[in-house]
C-alpha atoms as a PDB file:
ATOM      1  CA  MET A   1     -15.458  -3.962 -41.663  1.00  0.00           C
ATOM      2  CA  GLY A   2     -12.739  -4.913 -39.170  1.00  0.00           C
ATOM      3  CA  GLN A   3     -12.451  -3.264 -35.823  1.00  0.00           C
ATOM      4  CA  VAL A   4     -10.141  -0.301 -35.592  1.00  0.00           C
ATOM      5  CA  ARG A   5      -7.804  -0.441 -32.622  1.00  0.00           C
ATOM      6  CA  SER A   6      -8.065   2.693 -30.487  1.00  0.00           C
ATOM      7  CA  ASN A   7      -4.809   4.498 -29.771  1.00  0.00           C
ATOM      8  CA  ARG A   8      -6.347   6.490 -26.937  1.00  0.00           C
ATOM      9  CA  PRO A   9      -4.195   6.049 -23.801  1.00  0.00           C
ATOM     10  CA  ARG A  10      -5.888   4.193 -20.950  1.00  0.00           C
ATOM     11  CA  PRO A  11      -5.732   6.066 -17.643  1.00  0.00           C
ATOM     12  CA  PRO A  12      -4.118   4.340 -14.640  1.00  0.00           C
ATOM     13  CA  LEU A  13      -6.199   2.604 -12.007  1.00  0.00           C
ATOM     14  CA  PRO A  14      -7.507   5.249  -9.594  1.00  0.00           C
ATOM     15  CA  ALA A  15      -6.084   5.322  -6.079  1.00  0.00           C
ATOM     16  CA  TRP A  16      -9.568   4.941  -4.624  1.00  0.00           C
ATOM     17  CA  ILE A  17      -9.570   1.385  -6.005  1.00  0.00           C
ATOM     18  CA  ALA A  18      -5.981   0.326  -5.374  1.00  0.00           C
ATOM     19  CA  ALA A  19      -5.583   1.635  -1.807  1.00  0.00           C
ATOM     20  CA  PRO A  20      -8.722   0.037  -0.290  1.00  0.00           C
ATOM     21  CA  VAL A  21      -7.926  -3.279  -2.001  1.00  0.00           C
ATOM     22  CA  ALA A  22      -4.431  -3.310  -0.484  1.00  0.00           C
ATOM     23  CA  MET A  23      -5.662  -2.322   2.986  1.00  0.00           C
ATOM     24  CA  GLY A  24      -8.437  -4.902   2.832  1.00  0.00           C
ATOM     25  CA  ALA A  25      -5.983  -7.626   1.818  1.00  0.00           C
ATOM     26  CA  PHE A  26      -3.663  -6.688   4.690  1.00  0.00           C
ATOM     27  CA  ALA A  27      -6.518  -6.877   7.201  1.00  0.00           C
ATOM     28  CA  VAL A  28      -7.675 -10.271   5.914  1.00  0.00           C
ATOM     29  CA  LEU A  29      -4.141 -11.692   6.022  1.00  0.00           C
ATOM     30  CA  VAL A  30      -3.565 -10.477   9.589  1.00  0.00           C
ATOM     31  CA  TRP A  31      -6.825 -12.173  10.605  1.00  0.00           C
ATOM     32  CA  LEU A  32      -5.763 -15.414   8.890  1.00  0.00           C
ATOM     33  CA  GLU A  33      -2.329 -15.243  10.539  1.00  0.00           C
ATOM     34  CA  LEU A  34      -4.004 -15.244  13.938  1.00  0.00           C
ATOM     35  CA  ARG A  35      -6.210 -18.212  13.056  1.00  0.00           C
ATOM     36  CA  HIS A  36      -3.851 -20.329  10.916  1.00  0.00           C
ATOM     37  CA  PRO A  37      -0.211 -19.385  11.621  1.00  0.00           C
ATOM     38  CA  LEU A  38       2.541 -21.068   9.595  1.00  0.00           C
ATOM     39  CA  ARG A  39       5.362 -20.378  12.080  1.00  0.00           C
ATOM     40  CA  ARG A  40       5.486 -19.600  15.793  1.00  0.00           C
ATOM     41  CA  GLU A  41       6.109 -15.947  16.523  1.00  0.00           C
ATOM     42  CA  VAL A  42       9.255 -14.758  18.288  1.00  0.00           C
ATOM     43  CA  GLU A  43       8.175 -11.191  19.042  1.00  0.00           C
ATOM     44  CA  SER A  44       4.831  -9.634  19.976  1.00  0.00           C
ATOM     45  CA  LYS A  45       2.734  -9.158  16.852  1.00  0.00           C
ATOM     46  CA  VAL A  46       1.467  -5.788  18.073  1.00  0.00           C
ATOM     47  CA  THR A  47       5.008  -4.503  18.694  1.00  0.00           C
ATOM     48  CA  ARG A  48       6.316  -5.761  15.349  1.00  0.00           C
ATOM     49  CA  ASN A  49       3.364  -4.461  13.367  1.00  0.00           C
ATOM     50  CA  ALA A  50       3.754  -1.014  14.910  1.00  0.00           C
ATOM     51  CA  ARG A  51       7.491  -0.988  14.112  1.00  0.00           C
ATOM     52  CA  ASN A  52       7.041  -2.291  10.581  1.00  0.00           C
ATOM     53  CA  LEU A  53       4.213   0.104   9.792  1.00  0.00           C
ATOM     54  CA  ALA A  54       6.387   2.995  10.986  1.00  0.00           C
ATOM     55  CA  VAL A  55       9.112   1.885   8.563  1.00  0.00           C
ATOM     56  CA  ALA A  56       6.431   1.564   5.879  1.00  0.00           C
ATOM     57  CA  ALA A  57       5.195   5.106   6.538  1.00  0.00           C
ATOM     58  CA  LEU A  58       8.679   6.524   5.935  1.00  0.00           C
ATOM     59  CA  GLY A  59       8.932   4.416   2.808  1.00  0.00           C
ATOM     60  CA  ALA A  60       5.580   5.665   1.544  1.00  0.00           C
ATOM     61  CA  VAL A  61       6.680   9.277   1.957  1.00  0.00           C
ATOM     62  CA  THR A  62       9.906   8.499   0.079  1.00  0.00           C
ATOM     63  CA  LEU A  63       7.993   6.939  -2.813  1.00  0.00           C
ATOM     64  CA  GLN A  64       5.532   9.804  -2.974  1.00  0.00           C
ATOM     65  CA  LEU A  65       8.397  12.280  -3.255  1.00  0.00           C
ATOM     66  CA  SER A  66      10.526  10.272  -5.690  1.00  0.00           C
ATOM     67  CA  GLU A  67       9.077   7.274  -7.518  1.00  0.00           C
ATOM     68  CA  THR A  68       5.507   8.492  -7.963  1.00  0.00           C
ATOM     69  CA  PRO A  69       6.288  11.730  -9.849  1.00  0.00           C
ATOM     70  CA  ALA A  70       9.219  10.246 -11.795  1.00  0.00           C
ATOM     71  CA  VAL A  71       7.441   7.081 -12.920  1.00  0.00           C
ATOM     72  CA  LYS A  72       4.175   8.875 -13.629  1.00  0.00           C
ATOM     73  CA  LEU A  73       5.987  11.231 -15.997  1.00  0.00           C
ATOM     74  CA  LEU A  74       7.995   8.442 -17.645  1.00  0.00           C
ATOM     75  CA  THR A  75       4.957   6.228 -18.304  1.00  0.00           C
ATOM     76  CA  GLN A  76       3.233   9.160 -19.958  1.00  0.00           C
ATOM     77  CA  VAL A  77       6.269   9.873 -22.150  1.00  0.00           C
ATOM     78  CA  VAL A  78       6.627   6.183 -23.040  1.00  0.00           C
ATOM     79  CA  GLU A  79       2.960   5.984 -24.028  1.00  0.00           C
ATOM     80  CA  ARG A  80       3.085   9.171 -26.062  1.00  0.00           C
ATOM     81  CA  ARG A  81       6.319   8.406 -27.931  1.00  0.00           C
ATOM     82  CA  GLY A  82       5.971   4.639 -28.242  1.00  0.00           C
ATOM     83  CA  TRP A  83       9.212   3.779 -26.475  1.00  0.00           C
ATOM     84  CA  GLY A  84      10.111   0.319 -25.216  1.00  0.00           C
ATOM     85  CA  LEU A  85      10.176  -3.324 -26.196  1.00  0.00           C
ATOM     86  CA  VAL A  86       6.465  -4.056 -25.946  1.00  0.00           C
ATOM     87  CA  LYS A  87       5.616  -1.078 -28.151  1.00  0.00           C
ATOM     88  CA  ARG A  88       7.721  -2.648 -30.910  1.00  0.00           C
ATOM     89  CA  VAL A  89       5.593  -5.797 -30.882  1.00  0.00           C
ATOM     90  CA  GLY A  90       2.462  -4.000 -32.013  1.00  0.00           C
ATOM     91  CA  ALA A  91       0.255  -6.350 -29.995  1.00  0.00           C
ATOM     92  CA  PRO A  92      -3.373  -5.702 -29.074  1.00  0.00           C
ATOM     93  CA  PHE A  93      -3.800  -3.594 -25.939  1.00  0.00           C
ATOM     94  CA  TRP A  94      -4.497  -6.420 -23.471  1.00  0.00           C
ATOM     95  CA  LEU A  95      -1.678  -8.579 -24.814  1.00  0.00           C
ATOM     96  CA  GLU A  96       0.653  -5.603 -24.517  1.00  0.00           C
ATOM     97  CA  VAL A  97      -0.433  -5.162 -20.890  1.00  0.00           C
ATOM     98  CA  ALA A  98       0.124  -8.864 -20.173  1.00  0.00           C
ATOM     99  CA  LEU A  99       3.611  -8.801 -21.736  1.00  0.00           C
ATOM    100  CA  THR A 100       4.446  -5.662 -19.781  1.00  0.00           C
ATOM    101  CA  ILE A 101       3.459  -7.230 -16.467  1.00  0.00           C
ATOM    102  CA  VAL A 102       5.459 -10.398 -17.188  1.00  0.00           C
ATOM    103  CA  LEU A 103       8.571  -8.374 -18.061  1.00  0.00           C
ATOM    104  CA  LEU A 104       8.157  -6.150 -15.008  1.00  0.00           C
ATOM    105  CA  ASP A 105       7.934  -9.250 -12.845  1.00  0.00           C
ATOM    106  CA  TYR A 106      11.065 -10.765 -14.382  1.00  0.00           C
ATOM    107  CA  THR A 107      13.127  -7.594 -14.071  1.00  0.00           C
ATOM    108  CA  LEU A 108      11.992  -7.308 -10.444  1.00  0.00           C
ATOM    109  CA  TYR A 109      13.433 -10.805  -9.924  1.00  0.00           C
ATOM    110  CA  ILE A 110      16.771  -9.437 -11.169  1.00  0.00           C
ATOM    111  CA  TRP A 111      16.512  -6.370  -8.929  1.00  0.00           C
ATOM    112  CA  HIS A 112      15.869  -8.580  -5.895  1.00  0.00           C
ATOM    113  CA  ILE A 113      19.063 -10.519  -6.570  1.00  0.00           C
ATOM    114  CA  LEU A 114      20.974  -7.241  -6.898  1.00  0.00           C
ATOM    115  CA  THR A 115      19.737  -6.071  -3.494  1.00  0.00           C
ATOM    116  CA  HIS A 116      21.484  -9.129  -2.020  1.00  0.00           C
ATOM    117  CA  ARG A 117      24.601  -9.128  -4.207  1.00  0.00           C
ATOM    118  CA  ALA A 118      25.505  -5.432  -4.341  1.00  0.00           C
ATOM    119  CA  PRO A 119      26.955  -4.368  -0.953  1.00  0.00           C
ATOM    120  CA  TRP A 120      25.560  -0.821  -1.076  1.00  0.00           C
ATOM    121  CA  LEU A 121      22.064  -2.204  -1.722  1.00  0.00           C
ATOM    122  CA  TRP A 122      22.310  -5.085   0.758  1.00  0.00           C
ATOM    123  CA  ARG A 123      22.991  -2.762   3.683  1.00  0.00           C
ATOM    124  CA  PHE A 124      19.525  -1.251   3.056  1.00  0.00           C
ATOM    125  CA  HIS A 125      17.759  -4.501   2.129  1.00  0.00           C
ATOM    126  CA  LEU A 126      19.171  -6.047   5.323  1.00  0.00           C
ATOM    127  CA  VAL A 127      16.573  -4.070   7.287  1.00  0.00           C
ATOM    128  CA  HIS A 128      13.868  -6.150   5.605  1.00  0.00           C
ATOM    129  CA  HIS A 129      15.577  -9.450   6.442  1.00  0.00           C
ATOM    130  CA  VAL A 130      16.551  -8.873  10.080  1.00  0.00           C
ATOM    131  CA  ASP A 131      12.896  -9.050  11.123  1.00  0.00           C
ATOM    132  CA  LEU A 132      12.759 -11.957  13.582  1.00  0.00           C
ATOM    133  CA  ASP A 133       9.355 -13.009  12.293  1.00  0.00           C
ATOM    134  CA  MET A 134       7.809 -12.828   8.860  1.00  0.00           C
ATOM    135  CA  ASP A 135       4.212 -11.819   8.299  1.00  0.00           C
ATOM    136  CA  ALA A 136       2.154  -9.413   6.213  1.00  0.00           C
ATOM    137  CA  SER A 137       3.706  -6.410   7.957  1.00  0.00           C
ATOM    138  CA  THR A 138       7.172  -7.568   6.840  1.00  0.00           C
ATOM    139  CA  ALA A 139       5.995  -7.015   3.269  1.00  0.00           C
ATOM    140  CA  LEU A 140       5.879  -3.295   4.057  1.00  0.00           C
ATOM    141  CA  ARG A 141       9.192  -3.161   5.949  1.00  0.00           C
ATOM    142  CA  PHE A 142      11.580  -1.724   3.372  1.00  0.00           C
ATOM    143  CA  HIS A 143      14.073   0.955   4.383  1.00  0.00           C
ATOM    144  CA  PHE A 144      13.432   4.318   2.753  1.00  0.00           C
ATOM    145  CA  GLY A 145      16.996   4.230   1.398  1.00  0.00           C
ATOM    146  CA  GLU A 146      16.312   1.010  -0.512  1.00  0.00           C
ATOM    147  CA  LEU A 147      13.132   2.484  -1.937  1.00  0.00           C
ATOM    148  CA  ALA A 148      15.021   5.597  -3.045  1.00  0.00           C
ATOM    149  CA  TRP A 149      17.625   3.440  -4.837  1.00  0.00           C
ATOM    150  CA  SER A 150      14.836   1.430  -6.475  1.00  0.00           C
ATOM    151  CA  VAL A 151      13.533   4.513  -8.303  1.00  0.00           C
ATOM    152  CA  LEU A 152      16.491   4.281 -10.700  1.00  0.00           C
ATOM    153  CA  TRP A 153      15.715   0.636 -11.494  1.00  0.00           C
ATOM    154  CA  ARG A 154      11.993   1.278 -11.785  1.00  0.00           C
ATOM    155  CA  SER A 155      12.619   4.143 -14.197  1.00  0.00           C
ATOM    156  CA  ALA A 156      14.811   1.900 -16.350  1.00  0.00           C
ATOM    157  CA  GLN A 157      12.102  -0.785 -16.321  1.00  0.00           C
ATOM    158  CA  VAL A 158       9.515   1.694 -17.558  1.00  0.00           C
ATOM    159  CA  VAL A 159      11.647   3.058 -20.408  1.00  0.00           C
ATOM    160  CA  VAL A 160      13.190  -0.217 -21.624  1.00  0.00           C
ATOM    161  CA  ILE A 161      10.023  -2.316 -21.399  1.00  0.00           C
ATOM    162  CA  GLY A 162       7.681   0.462 -22.542  1.00  0.00           C
ATOM    163  CA  VAL A 163       5.319   0.572 -19.576  1.00  0.00           C
ATOM    164  CA  SER A 164       2.081   2.505 -20.021  1.00  0.00           C
ATOM    165  CA  PRO A 165       0.361   4.311 -17.113  1.00  0.00           C
ATOM    166  CA  PHE A 166      -2.431   1.714 -17.029  1.00  0.00           C
ATOM    167  CA  ALA A 167      -0.095  -1.301 -17.146  1.00  0.00           C
ATOM    168  CA  TYR A 168       2.093   0.169 -14.428  1.00  0.00           C
ATOM    169  CA  SER A 169      -0.817   0.874 -12.085  1.00  0.00           C
ATOM    170  CA  LEU A 170      -2.251  -2.606 -12.659  1.00  0.00           C
ATOM    171  CA  TRP A 171       1.122  -4.260 -12.000  1.00  0.00           C
ATOM    172  CA  GLN A 172       1.783  -2.124  -8.949  1.00  0.00           C
ATOM    173  CA  THR A 173      -1.580  -3.048  -7.417  1.00  0.00           C
ATOM    174  CA  ALA A 174      -1.103  -6.759  -8.160  1.00  0.00           C
ATOM    175  CA  LEU A 175       2.467  -6.648  -6.822  1.00  0.00           C
ATOM    176  CA  VAL A 176       1.385  -5.191  -3.474  1.00  0.00           C
ATOM    177  CA  LEU A 177      -1.195  -7.962  -3.081  1.00  0.00           C
ATOM    178  CA  LEU A 178       1.304 -10.689  -4.012  1.00  0.00           C
ATOM    179  CA  ILE A 179       4.007  -9.356  -1.685  1.00  0.00           C
ATOM    180  CA  LEU A 180       1.544  -9.110   1.195  1.00  0.00           C
ATOM    181  CA  PHE A 181       0.428 -12.666   0.467  1.00  0.00           C
ATOM    182  CA  HIS A 182       3.798 -14.395   0.231  1.00  0.00           C
ATOM    183  CA  HIS A 183       5.176 -12.602   3.281  1.00  0.00           C
ATOM    184  CA  SER A 184       2.150 -13.544   5.357  1.00  0.00           C
ATOM    185  CA  ASN A 185       2.399 -16.079   8.159  1.00  0.00           C
ATOM    186  CA  VAL A 186      -0.602 -18.032   6.883  1.00  0.00           C
ATOM    187  CA  ARG A 187      -0.583 -21.816   6.756  1.00  0.00           C
ATOM    188  CA  LEU A 188      -2.315 -22.931   3.574  1.00  0.00           C
ATOM    189  CA  PRO A 189      -3.683 -26.446   3.105  1.00  0.00           C
ATOM    190  CA  ASP A 190      -0.978 -28.617   1.539  1.00  0.00           C
ATOM    191  CA  ALA A 191      -2.958 -29.225  -1.640  1.00  0.00           C
ATOM    192  CA  VAL A 192      -3.592 -25.488  -2.119  1.00  0.00           C
ATOM    193  CA  GLU A 193       0.064 -24.728  -1.424  1.00  0.00           C
ATOM    194  CA  ARG A 194       1.269 -27.233  -4.024  1.00  0.00           C
ATOM    195  CA  ARG A 195      -1.065 -25.954  -6.723  1.00  0.00           C
ATOM    196  CA  LEU A 196      -0.380 -22.282  -6.086  1.00  0.00           C
ATOM    197  CA  SER A 197       3.400 -22.760  -5.958  1.00  0.00           C
ATOM    198  CA  ARG A 198       3.363 -24.017  -9.551  1.00  0.00           C
ATOM    199  CA  LEU A 199       2.446 -20.472 -10.575  1.00  0.00           C
ATOM    200  CA  LEU A 200       3.108 -18.085  -7.689  1.00  0.00           C
ATOM    201  CA  ILE A 201       5.477 -17.580  -4.776  1.00  0.00           C
ATOM    202  CA  THR A 202       3.639 -18.696  -1.636  1.00  0.00           C
ATOM    203  CA  PRO A 203       4.202 -18.004   2.101  1.00  0.00           C
ATOM    204  CA  ARG A 204       6.015 -21.317   2.493  1.00  0.00           C
ATOM    205  CA  LEU A 205       8.329 -20.680  -0.455  1.00  0.00           C
ATOM    206  CA  HIS A 206       9.145 -17.144   0.584  1.00  0.00           C
ATOM    207  CA  GLY A 207       9.685 -18.260   4.164  1.00  0.00           C
ATOM    208  CA  ILE A 208      12.677 -20.238   2.889  1.00  0.00           C
ATOM    209  CA  HIS A 209      14.089 -17.042   1.385  1.00  0.00           C
ATOM    210  CA  HIS A 210      13.920 -15.395   4.835  1.00  0.00           C
ATOM    211  CA  SER A 211      15.716 -18.299   6.550  1.00  0.00           C
ATOM    212  CA  ILE A 212      18.880 -17.694   8.607  1.00  0.00           C
ATOM    213  CA  VAL A 213      20.556 -20.448   6.538  1.00  0.00           C
ATOM    214  CA  GLU A 214      22.570 -18.760   3.778  1.00  0.00           C
ATOM    215  CA  SER A 215      21.935 -21.465   1.179  1.00  0.00           C
ATOM    216  CA  GLU A 216      18.197 -21.021   1.733  1.00  0.00           C
ATOM    217  CA  ILE A 217      18.124 -17.236   1.607  1.00  0.00           C
ATOM    218  CA  ASN A 218      19.839 -17.466  -1.789  1.00  0.00           C
ATOM    219  CA  SER A 219      16.749 -19.021  -3.335  1.00  0.00           C
ATOM    220  CA  ASN A 220      13.141 -18.173  -4.175  1.00  0.00           C
ATOM    221  CA  TRP A 221      13.921 -14.652  -5.388  1.00  0.00           C
ATOM    222  CA  SER A 222      10.704 -14.178  -7.357  1.00  0.00           C
ATOM    223  CA  SER A 223       8.127 -11.684  -6.166  1.00  0.00           C
ATOM    224  CA  GLY A 224       5.219 -12.868  -8.274  1.00  0.00           C
ATOM    225  CA  LEU A 225       5.526 -15.726 -10.749  1.00  0.00           C
ATOM    226  CA  SER A 226       7.564 -18.692  -9.527  1.00  0.00           C
ATOM    227  CA  ILE A 227       8.644 -19.485 -13.096  1.00  0.00           C
ATOM    228  CA  TRP A 228      11.727 -17.230 -12.845  1.00  0.00           C
ATOM    229  CA  ASP A 229      13.178 -19.293 -10.021  1.00  0.00           C
ATOM    230  CA  ARG A 230      12.354 -22.473 -11.928  1.00  0.00           C
ATOM    231  CA  LEU A 231      14.049 -21.226 -15.097  1.00  0.00           C
ATOM    232  CA  HIS A 232      17.184 -20.080 -13.266  1.00  0.00           C
ATOM    233  CA  GLY A 233      17.435 -23.060 -10.933  1.00  0.00           C
ATOM    234  CA  THR A 234      16.929 -20.956  -7.793  1.00  0.00           C
ATOM    235  CA  LEU A 235      13.636 -22.520  -6.677  1.00  0.00           C
ATOM    236  CA  ARG A 236      13.822 -24.367  -3.356  1.00  0.00           C
ATOM    237  CA  MET A 237      10.844 -26.422  -2.229  1.00  0.00           C
ATOM    238  CA  ASN A 238      12.031 -28.188   0.917  1.00  0.00           C
ATOM    239  CA  SER A 239      10.236 -25.950   3.370  1.00  0.00           C
ATOM    240  CA  ARG A 240      10.483 -27.095   6.953  1.00  0.00           C
ATOM    241  CA  ASP A 241       7.447 -25.027   7.932  1.00  0.00           C
ATOM    242  CA  ARG A 242       7.660 -24.180  11.619  1.00  0.00           C
ATOM    243  CA  GLU A 243      11.323 -25.245  11.807  1.00  0.00           C
ATOM    244  CA  VAL A 244      12.426 -22.402   9.507  1.00  0.00           C
ATOM    245  CA  THR A 245      14.155 -19.749  11.609  1.00  0.00           C
ATOM    246  CA  VAL A 246      13.485 -16.331  10.132  1.00  0.00           C
ATOM    247  CA  GLY A 247      16.084 -13.581  10.218  1.00  0.00           C
ATOM    248  CA  VAL A 248      19.821 -12.995   9.807  1.00  0.00           C
ATOM    249  CA  PRO A 249      22.232 -14.860  12.137  1.00  0.00           C
ATOM    250  CA  ALA A 250      24.304 -11.791  13.018  1.00  0.00           C
ATOM    251  CA  TYR A 251      21.214  -9.888  14.192  1.00  0.00           C
ATOM    252  CA  ARG A 252      19.295 -12.092  16.604  1.00  0.00           C
ATOM    253  CA  ASP A 253      18.946  -9.809  19.623  1.00  0.00           C
ATOM    254  CA  PRO A 254      15.583  -7.967  19.657  1.00  0.00           C
ATOM    255  CA  ARG A 255      17.233  -5.116  21.572  1.00  0.00           C
ATOM    256  CA  GLU A 256      19.313  -4.385  18.471  1.00  0.00           C
ATOM    257  CA  LEU A 257      16.255  -4.289  16.215  1.00  0.00           C
ATOM    258  CA  THR A 258      14.290  -1.380  17.611  1.00  0.00           C
ATOM    259  CA  LEU A 259      12.911   1.208  15.186  1.00  0.00           C
ATOM    260  CA  PRO A 260      15.698   3.801  15.660  1.00  0.00           C
ATOM    261  CA  LYS A 261      18.406   1.136  15.339  1.00  0.00           C
ATOM    262  CA  ILE A 262      17.112  -0.463  12.147  1.00  0.00           C
ATOM    263  CA  LEU A 263      16.662   2.943  10.530  1.00  0.00           C
ATOM    264  CA  LYS A 264      20.334   3.726  11.282  1.00  0.00           C
ATOM    265  CA  MET A 265      21.541   0.211  10.379  1.00  0.00           C
ATOM    266  CA  PRO A 266      22.502   0.898   6.722  1.00  0.00           C
ATOM    267  CA  PHE A 267      24.653   3.860   7.690  1.00  0.00           C
ATOM    268  CA  GLY A 268      26.799   2.169  10.375  1.00  0.00           C
ATOM    269  CA  PRO A 269      29.460  -0.547  10.384  1.00  0.00           C
ATOM    270  CA  GLN A 270      28.291  -3.757   8.725  1.00  0.00           C
ATOM    271  CA  ARG A 271      28.683  -7.246  10.214  1.00  0.00           C
ATOM    272  CA  ASP A 272      29.209 -10.534   8.467  1.00  0.00           C
ATOM    273  CA  PRO A 273      25.535 -11.515   8.130  1.00  0.00           C
ATOM    274  CA  TRP A 274      26.192 -15.267   8.152  1.00  0.00           C
ATOM    275  CA  PRO A 275      28.774 -16.305  10.697  1.00  0.00           C
ATOM    276  CA  PRO A 276      29.266 -20.082  11.108  1.00  0.00           C
ATOM    277  CA  LEU A 277      26.182 -22.026  12.190  1.00  0.00           C
ATOM    278  CA  ARG A 278      25.992 -24.735  14.788  1.00  0.00           C
ATOM    279  CA  ASP A 279      25.154 -28.301  13.791  1.00  0.00           C
ATOM    280  CA  ASP A 280      21.515 -27.663  14.676  1.00  0.00           C
ATOM    281  CA  GLY A 281      21.350 -24.741  12.241  1.00  0.00           C
ATOM    282  CA  GLY A 282      21.431 -22.004  14.871  1.00  0.00           C
ATOM    283  CA  PRO A 283      23.858 -19.082  14.794  1.00  0.00           C
ATOM    284  CA  ALA A 284      27.226 -19.753  16.413  1.00  0.00           C
ATOM    285  CA  LEU A 285      27.306 -16.212  17.813  1.00  0.00           C
ATOM    286  CA  SER A 286      25.687 -15.392  21.098  1.00  0.00           C
ATOM    287  CA  PRO A 287      22.500 -13.314  20.716  1.00  0.00           C
ATOM    288  CA  THR A 288      24.297 -10.084  21.646  1.00  0.00           C
ATOM    289  CA  ALA A 289      27.603 -10.721  19.926  1.00  0.00           C
ATOM    290  CA  PRO A 290      28.765  -7.860  17.666  1.00  0.00           C
END
């Protein structure tokens, strides 16, 4: 007799697994950043980590109050009623999970582009990019306003794709690890970097996306698989390693990037992020120019 496929819903990954894995990965990456840095730091690591973790704490509260209950309910409804593209395929459970994760990753690529292209989203996403350095703590530095907006996109992803509670929890855990990794300031051996970049976004690739050069920031949008940038012609490989200047040209003064000021940044007047650059690639504005 053939095996009968069980229709019993799989529960999501428990928080007692996901949370320690993420915290452990963060600790390991910080240790590696101290031993094998990719770029020289501009600000004190202790100061930046404290600031970025404070932003992350506000973001975590926002997600707990908005995304967590909304998405949890939607994944349960999707699983119970069979909504979404992957449910139409009728694939075995693990293939369905794999397809779900791939589609979530691709639609996150689209969302990332929107956060740069849509003015009302960019003013929030800007807080992530004005960090003068990029390391594992930058991966957690997303303004609570951006995270609140993202709940609408995440909800649409769940319903259209057909994301089950288990697939969502697995993707969410993997995504946190990947974002921590590619934001980290860890110098990988060249051979490892080349091999990994064929499949995933690496610290060197994502460093280009955080460059002050506008043509570079408009590349390497993927959060997980690098294939989306390859398919859309947005992959840029010419990393200059330590020569990459991280940040946004219009916001180069550390005194303008304190915790209170970056939290208020989306709600105040907006500057032209990319004023003309000098021949050497530096911003033409003085560090304190408005």
